[in-house]
Every structure is written in C-alpha cells, then in structure tokens.
Amino acid sequence: MVDDATPAPIELRAVRKRYGRLVAVDGVDLTVEPGTFHCLVGPNGSGKTTLLRMLLGLTEPSAGEVSVPDVSLGTAFQRPSHYEDLTVAENLEVFGALSGADPDWSDAVLERLGLDVVSGRIAGDLSGGYSRKLDLALALCKEPAYLLLDEPLGDLDDVTKRRLVEFLGEYRDAGHGVVVSTHNLEQFADHVDRLTLVHEGRVLYDEPRESFPARDLQTFYVERVLSAVESE
C-alpha cells in the first residue's frame, strides 16, 4: 500500500548538468506526478539517465532546482546493485532489513517476478534476465511511493517483458508513481500516462496521454527526434 497522504510530485526546474565541457542536461523542466506511469524516452546519450539520477536526488544539478518529496523511492539502473555472493533470498533479506520492508510484501514481489524458483541460487550465477528481475525486486522491497527504472526490459525474454510491464501498470494503478527511462516505447504503450522525449539534453516533447497517439509510439518518437536533428 502507499502512504495515507498523496505524496508531492518530484520536480525539476530549469536544471542543467555539466560534466566538464559536456552539457548532459540543458535547462530542463520536468514534473513527475504520483499515481502516474511516466516514460522518459530518447536516444543513447540523450540525458535520460542523468535526468533519472537528478529525479532521485543522486546527482546534483549544476544549475536549477530539484524538489524531491520525503517519501520512499525505489530504483534500478542497468548495472546490477545486488550482492553477487549472496543468494536471491539473502539479498531480499538484507535489503528488507535495511529498509524495514514488510516480509509479506517482499514474498509477494518474489513470487510475482518469478524469482521464487531461483530464491536459493547465488545472485552472481543468475542469467541476465533473472539478475535484472532481482534488482527490480530490491527496488520494490519497501514498496516505494515512486519507482524509477532505467531500461528495465533489457536482458528479458518477450514473455517476461510483457509480465513485467503488466506488473508496473498494476503498481501504478495501486497509486504509486512509476518512471521508466527507455528507448523502446511500444512495450509500454498501453500504460504510459505521460511521455517526455529527450534529445541532446533537452526536452523535445512533454505531454499527457490524451496528447499523443495511443499506438505506434515508437514511430512518433523517432519522427520527433529526426525532425529535431534536421532543424539543427
């Protein structure tokens, strides 16, 4: 379950992030609302991961303001965050103890993600798909008010992708905020409530569901990026 009170949104205001001479994010305004499924989409190197890290409060902007409410946040990036020398079950026990997670909720996540069949396996021996699902389970361990994921479908087979997307939709329906950084929109088309297109550190498009096509989102995104490139 979520907090009794609806959490405040996560907000970025005119944020800019530099790494030396490289401008990774340039003057971005972005709001993530509770109880919504928000997709950040853009080519590799467009600034999606940097934006995600700023939304989480993990990276300080070089300029601008970041407002993150005092609620639980869960995240999974492309690099594994689990303990590779522990079993799947031991990872959940450790993360659960550190976060004060409800054991019943952790067990439900384990089963829902299909990790119960490998609960006794050493995490370092897992396939790429199971490794990705373990990181997601750890991100969900404390049932965060906001769940922010970087390319969550990587290394997953088509059946697992579909089940995971359905699970994320259900998580949103339960009142949680879900943010997904991706370059493949079609898998999320049935669930996305807000779409933000990012290119070269800037926002090209940021609109709610009623403003973008219900289908063929990948073509919509690609055409927007190509149009931006041609106008440069």
Protein backbone atom coordinates (compact mmCIF):
# COMPACT_ATOMS: atom_id res chain seq x y z
CA MET A 1 0.00 0.00 0.00
CA VAL A 2 1.03 3.64 -0.42
CA ASP A 3 1.29 6.40 2.14
CA ASP A 4 -2.06 7.61 3.51
CA ALA A 5 -1.36 11.10 2.17
CA THR A 6 -0.77 11.55 -1.56
CA PRO A 7 2.91 12.49 -1.95
CA ALA A 8 4.03 15.70 -3.57
CA PRO A 9 5.35 15.47 -7.13
CA ILE A 10 9.04 15.24 -7.96
CA GLU A 11 10.05 18.41 -9.79
CA LEU A 12 12.98 19.67 -11.83
CA ARG A 13 13.08 23.38 -12.61
CA ALA A 14 15.45 24.77 -15.26
CA VAL A 15 18.03 22.12 -14.36
CA ARG A 16 21.36 22.00 -16.10
CA LYS A 17 24.12 19.44 -15.62
CA ARG A 18 27.67 19.77 -16.87
CA TYR A 19 30.48 17.22 -16.81
CA GLY A 20 33.48 19.35 -17.68
CA ARG A 21 32.75 20.77 -21.13
CA LEU A 22 29.92 18.32 -21.76
CA VAL A 23 26.41 19.61 -21.12
CA ALA A 24 24.41 16.46 -20.33
CA VAL A 25 21.16 18.25 -19.41
CA ASP A 26 20.35 21.76 -20.56
CA GLY A 27 17.54 23.81 -18.98
CA VAL A 28 15.01 21.05 -18.35
CA ASP A 29 11.67 21.47 -16.56
CA LEU A 30 10.06 18.18 -15.56
CA THR A 31 7.33 17.08 -13.15
CA VAL A 32 6.60 13.50 -12.09
CA GLU A 33 3.16 13.12 -10.53
CA PRO A 34 2.14 10.43 -8.03
CA GLY A 35 -0.02 7.61 -9.37
CA THR A 36 1.17 8.05 -12.97
CA PHE A 37 3.23 5.99 -15.42
CA HIS A 38 5.80 8.38 -16.89
CA CYS A 39 8.11 7.40 -19.76
CA LEU A 40 11.38 9.22 -20.45
CA VAL A 41 12.46 8.31 -23.96
CA GLY A 42 15.43 9.32 -26.06
CA PRO A 43 18.45 8.02 -27.96
CA ASN A 44 21.52 6.74 -26.13
CA GLY A 45 23.42 9.67 -24.63
CA SER A 46 20.40 11.98 -24.72
CA GLY A 47 20.49 12.68 -20.97
CA LYS A 48 17.81 10.25 -19.77
CA THR A 49 19.93 8.57 -17.10
CA THR A 50 21.24 11.91 -15.81
CA LEU A 51 17.66 13.16 -15.51
CA LEU A 52 16.70 9.98 -13.69
CA ARG A 53 19.56 10.42 -11.23
CA MET A 54 18.52 14.02 -10.56
CA LEU A 55 14.89 12.96 -10.01
CA LEU A 56 16.22 10.53 -7.39
CA GLY A 57 18.42 13.14 -5.76
CA LEU A 58 21.53 11.09 -6.61
CA THR A 59 23.08 13.78 -8.82
CA GLU A 60 23.19 17.48 -8.02
CA PRO A 61 22.41 19.83 -10.91
CA SER A 62 24.99 22.39 -11.98
CA ALA A 63 22.14 24.91 -12.07
CA GLY A 64 18.40 24.93 -11.42
CA GLU A 65 16.28 23.38 -8.69
CA VAL A 66 15.28 19.83 -7.77
CA SER A 67 12.38 19.12 -5.40
CA VAL A 68 12.10 15.54 -4.13
CA PRO A 69 9.39 14.78 -1.54
CA ASP A 70 10.27 13.00 1.69
CA VAL A 71 8.83 9.63 0.64
CA SER A 72 10.33 6.25 -0.21
CA LEU A 73 11.97 5.97 -3.63
CA GLY A 74 12.95 2.77 -5.41
CA THR A 75 15.29 2.49 -8.36
CA ALA A 76 17.05 0.01 -10.61
CA PHE A 77 19.72 1.01 -13.11
CA GLN A 78 21.29 -1.05 -15.88
CA ARG A 79 24.25 -2.08 -13.72
CA PRO A 80 23.48 -4.71 -11.03
CA SER A 81 23.03 -3.37 -7.50
CA HIS A 82 22.66 -6.66 -5.63
CA TYR A 83 25.23 -8.62 -3.64
CA GLU A 84 26.56 -11.22 -6.07
CA ASP A 85 27.92 -13.53 -3.35
CA LEU A 86 24.53 -13.84 -1.62
CA THR A 87 21.54 -15.88 -2.74
CA VAL A 88 18.42 -14.24 -4.13
CA ALA A 89 16.60 -14.80 -0.83
CA GLU A 90 19.53 -13.46 1.20
CA ASN A 91 19.65 -10.31 -0.94
CA LEU A 92 15.98 -9.67 -0.21
CA GLU A 93 16.50 -10.34 3.49
CA VAL A 94 19.41 -7.87 3.69
CA PHE A 95 17.67 -5.14 1.70
CA GLY A 96 14.44 -5.77 3.61
CA ALA A 97 16.16 -5.45 6.97
CA LEU A 98 17.89 -2.23 5.92
CA SER A 99 14.68 -0.65 4.62
CA GLY A 100 12.23 -2.05 7.17
CA ALA A 101 10.28 -3.81 4.43
CA ASP A 102 7.16 -5.86 5.12
CA PRO A 103 8.20 -9.55 4.71
CA ASP A 104 4.81 -10.43 3.23
CA TRP A 105 5.23 -7.75 0.57
CA SER A 106 8.77 -8.96 -0.22
CA ASP A 107 7.50 -12.53 -0.60
CA ALA A 108 4.72 -11.34 -2.90
CA VAL A 109 7.22 -9.45 -5.09
CA LEU A 110 9.49 -12.51 -5.19
CA GLU A 111 6.64 -14.65 -6.47
CA ARG A 112 5.18 -12.04 -8.82
CA LEU A 113 8.52 -11.59 -10.58
CA GLY A 114 9.11 -15.34 -10.80
CA LEU A 115 12.14 -15.23 -8.52
CA ASP A 116 10.76 -17.83 -6.11
CA VAL A 117 12.10 -20.61 -8.37
CA VAL A 118 15.68 -19.29 -8.00
CA SER A 119 15.49 -18.00 -4.42
CA GLY A 120 18.30 -20.29 -3.26
CA ARG A 121 20.63 -19.52 -6.16
CA ILE A 122 23.74 -17.33 -5.76
CA ALA A 123 22.99 -13.96 -7.39
CA GLY A 124 26.29 -13.92 -9.27
CA ASP A 125 25.27 -17.12 -11.06
CA LEU A 126 21.95 -15.75 -12.35
CA SER A 127 21.21 -15.20 -16.03
CA GLY A 128 20.91 -11.61 -17.25
CA GLY A 129 17.12 -11.74 -17.06
CA TYR A 130 16.96 -13.07 -13.52
CA SER A 131 19.67 -10.63 -12.44
CA ARG A 132 17.58 -7.75 -13.81
CA LYS A 133 14.48 -9.05 -12.03
CA LEU A 134 16.37 -9.32 -8.74
CA ASP A 135 17.39 -5.67 -8.96
CA LEU A 136 13.76 -4.75 -9.63
CA ALA A 137 12.63 -6.81 -6.62
CA LEU A 138 15.15 -4.97 -4.43
CA ALA A 139 13.91 -1.63 -5.77
CA LEU A 140 10.37 -2.68 -4.83
CA CYS A 141 11.39 -4.07 -1.44
CA LYS A 142 10.00 -1.18 0.63
CA GLU A 143 7.01 -0.60 -1.68
CA PRO A 144 8.23 2.86 -2.70
CA ALA A 145 5.90 5.75 -3.44
CA TYR A 146 7.93 6.36 -6.60
CA LEU A 147 9.65 3.64 -8.64
CA LEU A 148 12.24 4.89 -11.14
CA LEU A 149 13.75 2.41 -13.60
CA ASP A 150 16.49 2.73 -16.23
CA GLU A 151 15.86 0.45 -19.25
CA PRO A 152 14.09 -2.22 -17.15
CA LEU A 153 13.38 -4.57 -20.08
CA GLY A 154 17.00 -5.23 -21.02
CA ASP A 155 18.08 -8.91 -20.98
CA LEU A 156 14.47 -10.11 -20.59
CA ASP A 157 12.66 -12.53 -22.89
CA ASP A 158 9.42 -11.41 -24.55
CA VAL A 159 7.12 -13.23 -22.11
CA THR A 160 8.91 -11.79 -19.08
CA LYS A 161 8.84 -8.32 -20.65
CA ARG A 162 5.08 -8.48 -21.02
CA ARG A 163 4.57 -9.73 -17.47
CA LEU A 164 6.85 -7.05 -16.06
CA VAL A 165 5.10 -4.24 -17.94
CA GLU A 166 1.73 -5.53 -16.68
CA PHE A 167 3.11 -5.60 -13.14
CA LEU A 168 4.33 -2.00 -13.45
CA GLY A 169 0.90 -0.97 -14.71
CA GLU A 170 -0.71 -2.62 -11.69
CA TYR A 171 1.79 -0.89 -9.41
CA ARG A 172 0.75 2.46 -10.91
CA ASP A 173 -2.92 1.53 -10.53
CA ALA A 174 -2.31 0.99 -6.80
CA GLY A 175 -1.38 4.67 -6.51
CA HIS A 176 2.39 4.60 -6.95
CA GLY A 177 4.38 6.75 -9.34
CA VAL A 178 6.34 4.83 -11.99
CA VAL A 179 9.07 6.41 -14.13
CA VAL A 180 10.72 4.40 -16.89
CA SER A 181 13.71 5.56 -18.91
CA THR A 182 13.76 3.74 -22.24
CA HIS A 183 14.43 3.96 -25.96
CA ASN A 184 11.71 1.41 -26.80
CA LEU A 185 8.21 2.75 -26.21
CA GLU A 186 5.99 0.12 -27.77
CA GLN A 187 6.19 -2.24 -24.80
CA PHE A 188 4.73 0.48 -22.54
CA ALA A 189 2.10 1.90 -24.92
CA ASP A 190 -0.91 0.55 -23.01
CA HIS A 191 0.17 2.05 -19.70
CA VAL A 192 2.05 5.32 -20.20
CA ASP A 193 0.23 8.39 -18.79
CA ARG A 194 2.85 10.99 -19.65
CA LEU A 195 5.53 10.99 -22.32
CA THR A 196 8.74 13.03 -22.22
CA LEU A 197 11.04 12.94 -25.26
CA VAL A 198 14.67 13.92 -24.61
CA HIS A 199 17.30 14.75 -27.21
CA GLU A 200 20.81 16.10 -26.59
CA GLY A 201 19.97 17.07 -23.03
CA ARG A 202 16.80 18.99 -23.87
CA VAL A 203 13.10 18.14 -23.72
CA LEU A 204 11.53 17.95 -27.18
CA TYR A 205 8.08 16.92 -26.00
CA ASP A 206 6.37 16.56 -22.62
CA GLU A 207 2.64 15.87 -22.72
CA PRO A 208 -0.09 13.74 -21.06
CA ARG A 209 -1.64 10.67 -22.68
CA GLU A 210 -4.50 12.46 -24.41
CA SER A 211 -1.99 14.47 -26.48
CA PHE A 212 -0.04 11.62 -28.11
CA PRO A 213 -1.14 8.66 -30.27
CA ALA A 214 -2.38 5.57 -28.48
CA ARG A 215 -0.44 3.31 -30.85
CA ASP A 216 2.79 3.38 -32.85
CA LEU A 217 4.53 5.47 -30.21
CA GLN A 218 7.96 4.35 -31.42
CA THR A 219 7.38 5.93 -34.83
CA PHE A 220 6.03 9.08 -33.15
CA TYR A 221 9.20 9.32 -31.04
CA VAL A 222 11.62 8.61 -33.91
CA GLU A 223 9.95 11.18 -36.18
CA ARG A 224 10.15 13.83 -33.44
CA VAL A 225 13.87 13.19 -32.95
CA LEU A 226 14.58 13.16 -36.70
CA SER A 227 12.70 16.44 -37.08
CA ALA A 228 14.82 17.97 -34.32
CA VAL A 229 18.03 16.75 -35.96
CA GLU A 230 17.02 18.11 -39.38
CA SER A 231 16.21 21.53 -37.93
CA GLU A 232 19.61 21.90 -36.25
